[in-house]
Amino acid sequence: MTRSHHSTLPRGRDILFLALGVVGIGTSGPVISLSTMPVPTLIMWRNLGGAIVMFPFAMRKKEWRSAAGKRAIRLSAVSGVLLALHFMGFFLAMRLTSVAAGTAITATQPIFTAIYLRYRGEEIARRAWGGMFIAFLSVLLITGVDLRISARSFLGDLCALIGAALAAGYMLIGAKAQKELSTSTYTSVCYSLCALTALPIALMVNFHIFAYSARQWLLCLALIAGAQILGHTMFNLSLKRVSPAVVSLIVFFEVPVSAVLAYWWQGQKPPAGTIPGIFGLLLGCTVFVLRSGTKKAAQEIVE
């Protein structure tokens, strides 16, 4: 099996794409926390909005005509289902625990990405695992503090952790699909399937689809513009050239953005005991990047 190196840092326009992506997804947690729209309904509208924005660009490509394009579209559909399940975990975490703790734990997705890649026989620099270990201990610290605070907060942490594992699968499959597809086609299919996965769940539990106040619709539009288009779509653009392991690592920097916005918009300050854990997560990310970035890439996963 061909072994790939997954530690090369982004360059050129990908730095801009990823920086915009961090700001975009950083708005996600606080906006979800402010919204009272039920989780499956909010997921459905957020992704339907993203799909509608990307669909005209995808239509011009007509990539469904080739056999390779059809196979990649099927992968994109699987990615969309995983994205919906990831959002279920993340959105619930935003409602059950603090924005800072929930986003910090969800940002552990690079640990799961690295485990998946290693299981598949890919190369992850040995020294980089130290950073992941620091991040893992930090998650244990945060969840331990939240368990002492309330069972509700601890449940939110578990939802965030499950969401992180699902996000890693979504990103890995997305990177594979985009070897054959443009980002516009991939995101149109992925976001559409995500919305279609959330819709029946909303209907089964009798959540309203349309009956919401103007404020709730404005928050939903903010989620589409910020987290979906500026966030996820920018990350997906980078996945065509940057390893999913590295893109997942960049997600760590969502944590301070979300924490600052949650404090600014809602006055939501995380419990003092979670703050060392959040700093530990950021430290683990930094160690991973510095340790793994010293080794030259043998081969990029995405051409």
C-alpha atoms as a PDB file:
ATOM      1  CA  MET A   1       0.000   0.000   0.000  1.00  0.00           C
ATOM      2  CA  THR A   2       1.257   3.476  -0.888  1.00  0.00           C
ATOM      3  CA  ARG A   3       2.182   5.370   2.233  1.00  0.00           C
ATOM      4  CA  SER A   4       1.466   9.121   2.335  1.00  0.00           C
ATOM      5  CA  HIS A   5       2.812  11.784   4.624  1.00  0.00           C
ATOM      6  CA  HIS A   6       0.153  13.980   6.236  1.00  0.00           C
ATOM      7  CA  SER A   7       2.139  16.695   7.949  1.00  0.00           C
ATOM      8  CA  THR A   8       2.921  19.210   5.180  1.00  0.00           C
ATOM      9  CA  LEU A   9       1.543  22.605   6.140  1.00  0.00           C
ATOM     10  CA  PRO A  10      -0.741  24.577   3.766  1.00  0.00           C
ATOM     11  CA  ARG A  11       0.730  27.142   1.409  1.00  0.00           C
ATOM     12  CA  GLY A  12      -0.418  29.988  -0.823  1.00  0.00           C
ATOM     13  CA  ARG A  13      -4.142  30.490  -1.227  1.00  0.00           C
ATOM     14  CA  ASP A  14      -4.903  27.556   1.073  1.00  0.00           C
ATOM     15  CA  ILE A  15      -3.654  29.602   4.030  1.00  0.00           C
ATOM     16  CA  LEU A  16      -6.306  32.232   3.203  1.00  0.00           C
ATOM     17  CA  PHE A  17      -9.014  29.585   2.665  1.00  0.00           C
ATOM     18  CA  LEU A  18      -8.246  27.926   6.001  1.00  0.00           C
ATOM     19  CA  ALA A  19      -8.046  31.240   7.882  1.00  0.00           C
ATOM     20  CA  LEU A  20     -11.476  32.214   6.532  1.00  0.00           C
ATOM     21  CA  GLY A  21     -12.730  28.730   7.396  1.00  0.00           C
ATOM     22  CA  VAL A  22     -11.642  29.078  11.020  1.00  0.00           C
ATOM     23  CA  VAL A  23     -13.469  32.400  11.359  1.00  0.00           C
ATOM     24  CA  GLY A  24     -16.532  30.920   9.669  1.00  0.00           C
ATOM     25  CA  ILE A  25     -16.853  27.826  11.847  1.00  0.00           C
ATOM     26  CA  GLY A  26     -15.872  29.884  14.882  1.00  0.00           C
ATOM     27  CA  THR A  27     -19.225  31.667  14.593  1.00  0.00           C
ATOM     28  CA  SER A  28     -21.085  28.339  14.537  1.00  0.00           C
ATOM     29  CA  GLY A  29     -21.158  27.478  18.249  1.00  0.00           C
ATOM     30  CA  PRO A  30     -22.353  30.866  19.512  1.00  0.00           C
ATOM     31  CA  VAL A  31     -25.034  31.162  16.793  1.00  0.00           C
ATOM     32  CA  ILE A  32     -26.345  27.645  17.511  1.00  0.00           C
ATOM     33  CA  SER A  33     -26.379  28.425  21.225  1.00  0.00           C
ATOM     34  CA  LEU A  34     -28.400  31.600  20.591  1.00  0.00           C
ATOM     35  CA  SER A  35     -30.898  29.812  18.340  1.00  0.00           C
ATOM     36  CA  THR A  36     -33.930  27.982  19.711  1.00  0.00           C
ATOM     37  CA  MET A  37     -34.811  26.267  16.423  1.00  0.00           C
ATOM     38  CA  PRO A  38     -34.810  22.467  17.009  1.00  0.00           C
ATOM     39  CA  VAL A  39     -31.514  20.782  16.134  1.00  0.00           C
ATOM     40  CA  PRO A  40     -32.679  18.629  13.146  1.00  0.00           C
ATOM     41  CA  THR A  41     -34.582  21.578  11.636  1.00  0.00           C
ATOM     42  CA  LEU A  42     -31.627  23.924  12.002  1.00  0.00           C
ATOM     43  CA  ILE A  43     -29.300  21.341  10.435  1.00  0.00           C
ATOM     44  CA  MET A  44     -31.720  20.847   7.534  1.00  0.00           C
ATOM     45  CA  TRP A  45     -32.056  24.556   6.734  1.00  0.00           C
ATOM     46  CA  ARG A  46     -28.349  25.276   7.209  1.00  0.00           C
ATOM     47  CA  ASN A  47     -27.300  22.608   4.732  1.00  0.00           C
ATOM     48  CA  LEU A  48     -30.118  23.196   2.283  1.00  0.00           C
ATOM     49  CA  GLY A  49     -29.062  26.834   2.148  1.00  0.00           C
ATOM     50  CA  GLY A  50     -25.449  25.841   1.516  1.00  0.00           C
ATOM     51  CA  ALA A  51     -26.489  23.395  -1.234  1.00  0.00           C
ATOM     52  CA  ILE A  52     -28.613  26.035  -2.985  1.00  0.00           C
ATOM     53  CA  VAL A  53     -25.686  28.477  -3.019  1.00  0.00           C
ATOM     54  CA  MET A  54     -23.286  25.879  -4.504  1.00  0.00           C
ATOM     55  CA  PHE A  55     -25.687  24.162  -6.926  1.00  0.00           C
ATOM     56  CA  PRO A  56     -25.444  26.693  -9.833  1.00  0.00           C
ATOM     57  CA  PHE A  57     -21.652  26.306  -9.872  1.00  0.00           C
ATOM     58  CA  ALA A  58     -21.974  22.508  -9.861  1.00  0.00           C
ATOM     59  CA  MET A  59     -24.424  22.525 -12.775  1.00  0.00           C
ATOM     60  CA  ARG A  60     -21.848  24.170 -15.017  1.00  0.00           C
ATOM     61  CA  LYS A  61     -19.351  21.375 -14.341  1.00  0.00           C
ATOM     62  CA  LYS A  62     -21.665  18.477 -15.322  1.00  0.00           C
ATOM     63  CA  GLU A  63     -19.356  16.047 -13.549  1.00  0.00           C
ATOM     64  CA  TRP A  64     -22.065  13.411 -13.093  1.00  0.00           C
ATOM     65  CA  ARG A  65     -21.604  12.349 -16.732  1.00  0.00           C
ATOM     66  CA  SER A  66     -18.385  10.341 -16.204  1.00  0.00           C
ATOM     67  CA  ALA A  67     -18.137   6.997 -14.430  1.00  0.00           C
ATOM     68  CA  ALA A  68     -15.472   8.380 -12.078  1.00  0.00           C
ATOM     69  CA  GLY A  69     -17.713  11.351 -11.321  1.00  0.00           C
ATOM     70  CA  LYS A  70     -20.649   9.085 -10.478  1.00  0.00           C
ATOM     71  CA  ARG A  71     -18.509   7.056  -8.068  1.00  0.00           C
ATOM     72  CA  ALA A  72     -17.281  10.244  -6.403  1.00  0.00           C
ATOM     73  CA  ILE A  73     -20.847  11.539  -6.130  1.00  0.00           C
ATOM     74  CA  ARG A  74     -21.807   8.366  -4.258  1.00  0.00           C
ATOM     75  CA  LEU A  75     -18.916   9.015  -1.859  1.00  0.00           C
ATOM     76  CA  SER A  76     -20.143  12.600  -1.480  1.00  0.00           C
ATOM     77  CA  ALA A  77     -23.559  11.272  -0.475  1.00  0.00           C
ATOM     78  CA  VAL A  78     -21.988   9.109   2.246  1.00  0.00           C
ATOM     79  CA  SER A  79     -20.020  12.131   3.413  1.00  0.00           C
ATOM     80  CA  GLY A  80     -23.274  14.100   3.644  1.00  0.00           C
ATOM     81  CA  VAL A  81     -24.858  11.499   5.929  1.00  0.00           C
ATOM     82  CA  LEU A  82     -21.783  11.562   8.186  1.00  0.00           C
ATOM     83  CA  LEU A  83     -21.909  15.366   8.194  1.00  0.00           C
ATOM     84  CA  ALA A  84     -25.542  15.267   9.353  1.00  0.00           C
ATOM     85  CA  LEU A  85     -24.681  12.908  12.219  1.00  0.00           C
ATOM     86  CA  HIS A  86     -21.684  15.082  13.135  1.00  0.00           C
ATOM     87  CA  PHE A  87     -23.933  18.121  13.255  1.00  0.00           C
ATOM     88  CA  MET A  88     -26.398  16.278  15.492  1.00  0.00           C
ATOM     89  CA  GLY A  89     -23.634  15.718  18.023  1.00  0.00           C
ATOM     90  CA  PHE A  90     -22.187  19.216  17.734  1.00  0.00           C
ATOM     91  CA  PHE A  91     -25.506  21.069  17.830  1.00  0.00           C
ATOM     92  CA  LEU A  92     -26.651  19.091  20.879  1.00  0.00           C
ATOM     93  CA  ALA A  93     -23.332  19.869  22.581  1.00  0.00           C
ATOM     94  CA  MET A  94     -23.908  23.600  22.017  1.00  0.00           C
ATOM     95  CA  ARG A  95     -27.258  23.314  23.802  1.00  0.00           C
ATOM     96  CA  LEU A  96     -26.080  21.091  26.676  1.00  0.00           C
ATOM     97  CA  THR A  97     -22.642  22.383  27.639  1.00  0.00           C
ATOM     98  CA  SER A  98     -20.686  25.630  27.247  1.00  0.00           C
ATOM     99  CA  VAL A  99     -19.696  26.786  23.758  1.00  0.00           C
ATOM    100  CA  ALA A 100     -16.017  26.798  24.772  1.00  0.00           C
ATOM    101  CA  ALA A 101     -16.028  23.225  26.113  1.00  0.00           C
ATOM    102  CA  GLY A 102     -18.171  21.854  23.272  1.00  0.00           C
ATOM    103  CA  THR A 103     -16.090  23.381  20.487  1.00  0.00           C
ATOM    104  CA  ALA A 104     -12.847  22.382  22.216  1.00  0.00           C
ATOM    105  CA  ILE A 105     -13.867  18.725  22.394  1.00  0.00           C
ATOM    106  CA  THR A 106     -15.281  18.692  18.863  1.00  0.00           C
ATOM    107  CA  ALA A 107     -11.971  20.089  17.672  1.00  0.00           C
ATOM    108  CA  THR A 108     -10.294  16.805  18.671  1.00  0.00           C
ATOM    109  CA  GLN A 109     -11.266  15.461  15.249  1.00  0.00           C
ATOM    110  CA  PRO A 110      -7.595  15.398  14.079  1.00  0.00           C
ATOM    111  CA  ILE A 111      -6.947  12.695  16.670  1.00  0.00           C
ATOM    112  CA  PHE A 112      -9.618  10.552  15.052  1.00  0.00           C
ATOM    113  CA  THR A 113      -8.378  11.507  11.579  1.00  0.00           C
ATOM    114  CA  ALA A 114      -4.844  10.414  12.467  1.00  0.00           C
ATOM    115  CA  ILE A 115      -6.124   7.131  13.948  1.00  0.00           C
ATOM    116  CA  TYR A 116      -8.146   6.420  10.798  1.00  0.00           C
ATOM    117  CA  LEU A 117      -5.164   7.220   8.565  1.00  0.00           C
ATOM    118  CA  ARG A 118      -2.785   5.127  10.647  1.00  0.00           C
ATOM    119  CA  TYR A 119      -5.226   2.203  10.582  1.00  0.00           C
ATOM    120  CA  ARG A 120      -5.331   2.534   6.799  1.00  0.00           C
ATOM    121  CA  GLY A 121      -1.548   2.261   6.664  1.00  0.00           C
ATOM    122  CA  GLU A 122      -0.768   5.934   6.071  1.00  0.00           C
ATOM    123  CA  GLU A 123       2.209   7.716   7.616  1.00  0.00           C
ATOM    124  CA  ILE A 124       1.866   9.995  10.627  1.00  0.00           C
ATOM    125  CA  ALA A 125       5.162  11.284  12.045  1.00  0.00           C
ATOM    126  CA  ARG A 126       5.952   9.502  15.309  1.00  0.00           C
ATOM    127  CA  ARG A 127       6.756  12.671  17.218  1.00  0.00           C
ATOM    128  CA  ALA A 128       3.359  14.164  16.309  1.00  0.00           C
ATOM    129  CA  TRP A 129       1.549  11.670  18.533  1.00  0.00           C
ATOM    130  CA  GLY A 130       2.836  13.531  21.607  1.00  0.00           C
ATOM    131  CA  GLY A 131       0.701  16.512  20.656  1.00  0.00           C
ATOM    132  CA  MET A 132      -2.324  14.284  20.240  1.00  0.00           C
ATOM    133  CA  PHE A 133      -1.696  12.743  23.659  1.00  0.00           C
ATOM    134  CA  ILE A 134      -1.657  16.215  25.259  1.00  0.00           C
ATOM    135  CA  ALA A 135      -4.933  16.996  23.505  1.00  0.00           C
ATOM    136  CA  PHE A 136      -6.485  13.739  24.721  1.00  0.00           C
ATOM    137  CA  LEU A 137      -5.517  14.439  28.337  1.00  0.00           C
ATOM    138  CA  SER A 138      -7.007  17.914  27.952  1.00  0.00           C
ATOM    139  CA  VAL A 139     -10.315  16.413  26.828  1.00  0.00           C
ATOM    140  CA  LEU A 140     -10.326  14.199  29.922  1.00  0.00           C
ATOM    141  CA  LEU A 141      -9.742  17.287  32.076  1.00  0.00           C
ATOM    142  CA  ILE A 142     -12.623  19.198  30.484  1.00  0.00           C
ATOM    143  CA  THR A 143     -15.076  16.297  30.717  1.00  0.00           C
ATOM    144  CA  GLY A 144     -14.051  15.603  34.325  1.00  0.00           C
ATOM    145  CA  VAL A 145     -14.743  19.204  35.304  1.00  0.00           C
ATOM    146  CA  ASP A 146     -18.097  19.165  33.501  1.00  0.00           C
ATOM    147  CA  LEU A 147     -19.131  15.915  35.180  1.00  0.00           C
ATOM    148  CA  ARG A 148     -18.619  17.590  38.552  1.00  0.00           C
ATOM    149  CA  ILE A 149     -20.696  20.563  37.392  1.00  0.00           C
ATOM    150  CA  SER A 150     -23.683  18.611  36.008  1.00  0.00           C
ATOM    151  CA  ALA A 151     -24.690  15.461  34.159  1.00  0.00           C
ATOM    152  CA  ARG A 152     -26.150  17.715  31.443  1.00  0.00           C
ATOM    153  CA  SER A 153     -22.770  19.326  30.720  1.00  0.00           C
ATOM    154  CA  PHE A 154     -21.045  15.923  30.709  1.00  0.00           C
ATOM    155  CA  LEU A 155     -23.633  14.614  28.215  1.00  0.00           C
ATOM    156  CA  GLY A 156     -22.890  17.623  26.022  1.00  0.00           C
ATOM    157  CA  ASP A 157     -19.190  16.759  26.150  1.00  0.00           C
ATOM    158  CA  LEU A 158     -19.935  13.185  25.029  1.00  0.00           C
ATOM    159  CA  CYS A 159     -22.057  14.484  22.143  1.00  0.00           C
ATOM    160  CA  ALA A 160     -19.144  16.715  21.120  1.00  0.00           C
ATOM    161  CA  LEU A 161     -16.694  13.800  21.240  1.00  0.00           C
ATOM    162  CA  ILE A 162     -18.932  11.621  19.050  1.00  0.00           C
ATOM    163  CA  GLY A 163     -19.333  14.584  16.709  1.00  0.00           C
ATOM    164  CA  ALA A 164     -15.550  14.866  16.453  1.00  0.00           C
ATOM    165  CA  ALA A 165     -15.185  11.230  15.369  1.00  0.00           C
ATOM    166  CA  LEU A 166     -17.919  11.648  12.744  1.00  0.00           C
ATOM    167  CA  ALA A 167     -16.350  14.894  11.482  1.00  0.00           C
ATOM    168  CA  ALA A 168     -13.079  13.059  10.859  1.00  0.00           C
ATOM    169  CA  GLY A 169     -14.868  10.467   8.717  1.00  0.00           C
ATOM    170  CA  TYR A 170     -16.693  13.212   6.808  1.00  0.00           C
ATOM    171  CA  MET A 171     -13.424  15.017   6.066  1.00  0.00           C
ATOM    172  CA  LEU A 172     -11.541  11.895   4.964  1.00  0.00           C
ATOM    173  CA  ILE A 173     -14.288  10.786   2.591  1.00  0.00           C
ATOM    174  CA  GLY A 174     -14.613  14.345   1.319  1.00  0.00           C
ATOM    175  CA  ALA A 175     -10.909  14.456   0.468  1.00  0.00           C
ATOM    176  CA  LYS A 176     -11.252  11.213  -1.491  1.00  0.00           C
ATOM    177  CA  ALA A 177     -14.371  12.366  -3.363  1.00  0.00           C
ATOM    178  CA  GLN A 178     -12.702  15.628  -4.371  1.00  0.00           C
ATOM    179  CA  LYS A 179      -9.976  13.786  -6.231  1.00  0.00           C
ATOM    180  CA  GLU A 180     -12.590  13.375  -8.960  1.00  0.00           C
ATOM    181  CA  LEU A 181     -15.031  16.224  -8.249  1.00  0.00           C
ATOM    182  CA  SER A 182     -14.880  19.993  -8.030  1.00  0.00           C
ATOM    183  CA  THR A 183     -15.655  21.474  -4.629  1.00  0.00           C
ATOM    184  CA  SER A 184     -18.919  22.925  -5.965  1.00  0.00           C
ATOM    185  CA  THR A 185     -20.219  19.513  -7.068  1.00  0.00           C
ATOM    186  CA  TYR A 186     -18.994  17.781  -3.925  1.00  0.00           C
ATOM    187  CA  THR A 187     -20.534  20.326  -1.546  1.00  0.00           C
ATOM    188  CA  SER A 188     -23.827  20.436  -3.491  1.00  0.00           C
ATOM    189  CA  VAL A 189     -24.253  16.681  -3.076  1.00  0.00           C
ATOM    190  CA  CYS A 190     -22.848  16.509   0.455  1.00  0.00           C
ATOM    191  CA  TYR A 191     -24.913  19.386   1.833  1.00  0.00           C
ATOM    192  CA  SER A 192     -28.066  18.137   0.064  1.00  0.00           C
ATOM    193  CA  LEU A 193     -27.746  14.653   1.581  1.00  0.00           C
ATOM    194  CA  CYS A 194     -27.032  16.193   4.970  1.00  0.00           C
ATOM    195  CA  ALA A 195     -30.284  18.187   4.727  1.00  0.00           C
ATOM    196  CA  LEU A 196     -32.210  15.114   3.509  1.00  0.00           C
ATOM    197  CA  THR A 197     -30.880  13.091   6.450  1.00  0.00           C
ATOM    198  CA  ALA A 198     -31.992  15.710   8.989  1.00  0.00           C
ATOM    199  CA  LEU A 199     -35.440  16.376   7.471  1.00  0.00           C
ATOM    200  CA  PRO A 200     -37.131  13.015   8.277  1.00  0.00           C
ATOM    201  CA  ILE A 201     -35.753  13.167  11.825  1.00  0.00           C
ATOM    202  CA  ALA A 202     -37.367  16.582  12.279  1.00  0.00           C
ATOM    203  CA  LEU A 203     -40.660  15.307  10.849  1.00  0.00           C
ATOM    204  CA  MET A 204     -40.684  12.120  12.927  1.00  0.00           C
ATOM    205  CA  VAL A 205     -40.478  14.047  16.198  1.00  0.00           C
ATOM    206  CA  ASN A 206     -43.023  16.636  15.009  1.00  0.00           C
ATOM    207  CA  PHE A 207     -40.669  19.624  14.940  1.00  0.00           C
ATOM    208  CA  HIS A 208     -41.906  22.632  12.993  1.00  0.00           C
ATOM    209  CA  ILE A 209     -40.204  23.303   9.665  1.00  0.00           C
ATOM    210  CA  PHE A 210     -41.402  26.866   8.927  1.00  0.00           C
ATOM    211  CA  ALA A 211     -43.092  28.359  12.010  1.00  0.00           C
ATOM    212  CA  TYR A 212     -40.291  30.450  13.518  1.00  0.00           C
ATOM    213  CA  SER A 213     -39.732  34.087  14.386  1.00  0.00           C
ATOM    214  CA  ALA A 214     -37.754  36.524  12.247  1.00  0.00           C
ATOM    215  CA  ARG A 215     -34.910  36.349  14.784  1.00  0.00           C
ATOM    216  CA  GLN A 216     -34.604  32.575  14.343  1.00  0.00           C
ATOM    217  CA  TRP A 217     -34.482  32.902  10.561  1.00  0.00           C
ATOM    218  CA  LEU A 218     -31.794  35.587  10.836  1.00  0.00           C
ATOM    219  CA  LEU A 219     -29.719  33.287  13.042  1.00  0.00           C
ATOM    220  CA  CYS A 220     -30.224  30.491  10.508  1.00  0.00           C
ATOM    221  CA  LEU A 221     -29.039  32.775   7.670  1.00  0.00           C
ATOM    222  CA  ALA A 222     -26.023  33.756   9.766  1.00  0.00           C
ATOM    223  CA  LEU A 223     -25.216  30.058  10.193  1.00  0.00           C
ATOM    224  CA  ILE A 224     -25.477  29.441   6.439  1.00  0.00           C
ATOM    225  CA  ALA A 225     -23.309  32.429   5.504  1.00  0.00           C
ATOM    226  CA  GLY A 226     -20.722  32.015   8.252  1.00  0.00           C
ATOM    227  CA  ALA A 227     -20.300  28.400   9.302  1.00  0.00           C
ATOM    228  CA  GLN A 228     -21.529  26.701   6.125  1.00  0.00           C
ATOM    229  CA  ILE A 229     -20.233  28.843   3.225  1.00  0.00           C
ATOM    230  CA  LEU A 230     -17.327  30.681   4.827  1.00  0.00           C
ATOM    231  CA  GLY A 231     -16.435  27.746   7.095  1.00  0.00           C
ATOM    232  CA  HIS A 232     -17.069  24.276   5.676  1.00  0.00           C
ATOM    233  CA  THR A 233     -16.837  25.308   2.013  1.00  0.00           C
ATOM    234  CA  MET A 234     -13.457  27.002   2.497  1.00  0.00           C
ATOM    235  CA  PHE A 235     -12.167  23.874   4.257  1.00  0.00           C
ATOM    236  CA  ASN A 236     -13.468  21.721   1.421  1.00  0.00           C
ATOM    237  CA  LEU A 237     -11.671  23.920  -1.134  1.00  0.00           C
ATOM    238  CA  SER A 238      -8.409  23.303   0.746  1.00  0.00           C
ATOM    239  CA  LEU A 239      -8.993  19.541   0.914  1.00  0.00           C
ATOM    240  CA  LYS A 240      -8.189  19.336  -2.794  1.00  0.00           C
ATOM    241  CA  ARG A 241      -4.547  20.083  -1.962  1.00  0.00           C
ATOM    242  CA  VAL A 242      -4.074  19.795   1.815  1.00  0.00           C
ATOM    243  CA  SER A 243      -4.155  16.540   3.779  1.00  0.00           C
ATOM    244  CA  PRO A 244      -7.336  15.967   5.836  1.00  0.00           C
ATOM    245  CA  ALA A 245      -5.082  15.391   8.856  1.00  0.00           C
ATOM    246  CA  VAL A 246      -3.744  18.950   8.556  1.00  0.00           C
ATOM    247  CA  VAL A 247      -7.130  20.508   7.760  1.00  0.00           C
ATOM    248  CA  SER A 248      -8.544  18.765  10.834  1.00  0.00           C
ATOM    249  CA  LEU A 249      -5.740  20.248  12.922  1.00  0.00           C
ATOM    250  CA  ILE A 250      -6.566  23.756  11.741  1.00  0.00           C
ATOM    251  CA  VAL A 251     -10.047  23.252  13.212  1.00  0.00           C
ATOM    252  CA  PHE A 252      -8.436  23.504  16.671  1.00  0.00           C
ATOM    253  CA  PHE A 253      -8.237  27.260  16.177  1.00  0.00           C
ATOM    254  CA  GLU A 254     -12.025  27.413  16.094  1.00  0.00           C
ATOM    255  CA  VAL A 255     -11.890  27.053  19.877  1.00  0.00           C
ATOM    256  CA  PRO A 256     -10.620  30.545  20.869  1.00  0.00           C
ATOM    257  CA  VAL A 257     -12.768  32.197  18.163  1.00  0.00           C
ATOM    258  CA  SER A 258     -15.943  30.534  19.480  1.00  0.00           C
ATOM    259  CA  ALA A 259     -15.034  31.165  23.125  1.00  0.00           C
ATOM    260  CA  VAL A 260     -14.438  34.883  22.526  1.00  0.00           C
ATOM    261  CA  LEU A 261     -17.656  35.284  20.515  1.00  0.00           C
ATOM    262  CA  ALA A 262     -19.701  33.372  23.114  1.00  0.00           C
ATOM    263  CA  TYR A 263     -18.335  35.651  25.849  1.00  0.00           C
ATOM    264  CA  TRP A 264     -18.905  38.795  23.751  1.00  0.00           C
ATOM    265  CA  TRP A 265     -22.400  37.937  22.476  1.00  0.00           C
ATOM    266  CA  GLN A 266     -23.782  35.988  25.431  1.00  0.00           C
ATOM    267  CA  GLY A 267     -21.536  36.701  28.397  1.00  0.00           C
ATOM    268  CA  GLN A 268     -20.894  32.938  28.469  1.00  0.00           C
ATOM    269  CA  LYS A 269     -17.707  32.357  30.416  1.00  0.00           C
ATOM    270  CA  PRO A 270     -16.578  28.716  30.724  1.00  0.00           C
ATOM    271  CA  PRO A 271     -16.074  27.328  34.250  1.00  0.00           C
ATOM    272  CA  ALA A 272     -12.569  28.048  35.529  1.00  0.00           C
ATOM    273  CA  GLY A 273     -11.660  24.363  35.531  1.00  0.00           C
ATOM    274  CA  THR A 274     -12.259  24.009  31.793  1.00  0.00           C
ATOM    275  CA  ILE A 275      -9.879  26.810  30.864  1.00  0.00           C
ATOM    276  CA  PRO A 276      -6.671  24.752  31.499  1.00  0.00           C
ATOM    277  CA  GLY A 277      -8.183  21.982  29.373  1.00  0.00           C
ATOM    278  CA  ILE A 278      -8.845  24.374  26.493  1.00  0.00           C
ATOM    279  CA  PHE A 279      -5.283  25.703  26.680  1.00  0.00           C
ATOM    280  CA  GLY A 280      -4.065  22.107  26.741  1.00  0.00           C
ATOM    281  CA  LEU A 281      -5.974  21.357  23.531  1.00  0.00           C
ATOM    282  CA  LEU A 282      -4.370  24.324  21.798  1.00  0.00           C
ATOM    283  CA  LEU A 283      -0.952  23.282  23.095  1.00  0.00           C
ATOM    284  CA  GLY A 284      -1.485  19.755  21.778  1.00  0.00           C
ATOM    285  CA  CYS A 285      -2.360  21.169  18.376  1.00  0.00           C
ATOM    286  CA  THR A 286       0.753  23.367  18.337  1.00  0.00           C
ATOM    287  CA  VAL A 287       3.002  20.464  19.333  1.00  0.00           C
ATOM    288  CA  PHE A 288       1.513  18.305  16.591  1.00  0.00           C
ATOM    289  CA  VAL A 289       2.115  20.954  13.917  1.00  0.00           C
ATOM    290  CA  LEU A 290       5.664  21.829  15.021  1.00  0.00           C
ATOM    291  CA  ARG A 291       6.776  18.235  15.560  1.00  0.00           C
ATOM    292  CA  SER A 292       5.252  16.851  12.383  1.00  0.00           C
ATOM    293  CA  GLY A 293       6.124  19.846  10.248  1.00  0.00           C
ATOM    294  CA  THR A 294       9.846  19.095  10.544  1.00  0.00           C
ATOM    295  CA  LYS A 295       9.540  16.102   8.286  1.00  0.00           C
ATOM    296  CA  LYS A 296       9.357  16.561   4.508  1.00  0.00           C
ATOM    297  CA  ALA A 297       6.347  15.206   2.693  1.00  0.00           C
ATOM    298  CA  ALA A 298       6.837  11.978   0.842  1.00  0.00           C
ATOM    299  CA  GLN A 299       3.646  12.364  -1.135  1.00  0.00           C
ATOM    300  CA  GLU A 300       0.524  14.524  -0.903  1.00  0.00           C
ATOM    301  CA  ILE A 301      -2.774  12.762  -0.391  1.00  0.00           C
ATOM    302  CA  VAL A 302      -4.567  15.216  -2.656  1.00  0.00           C
ATOM    303  CA  GLU A 303      -3.043  16.326  -5.953  1.00  0.00           C
END
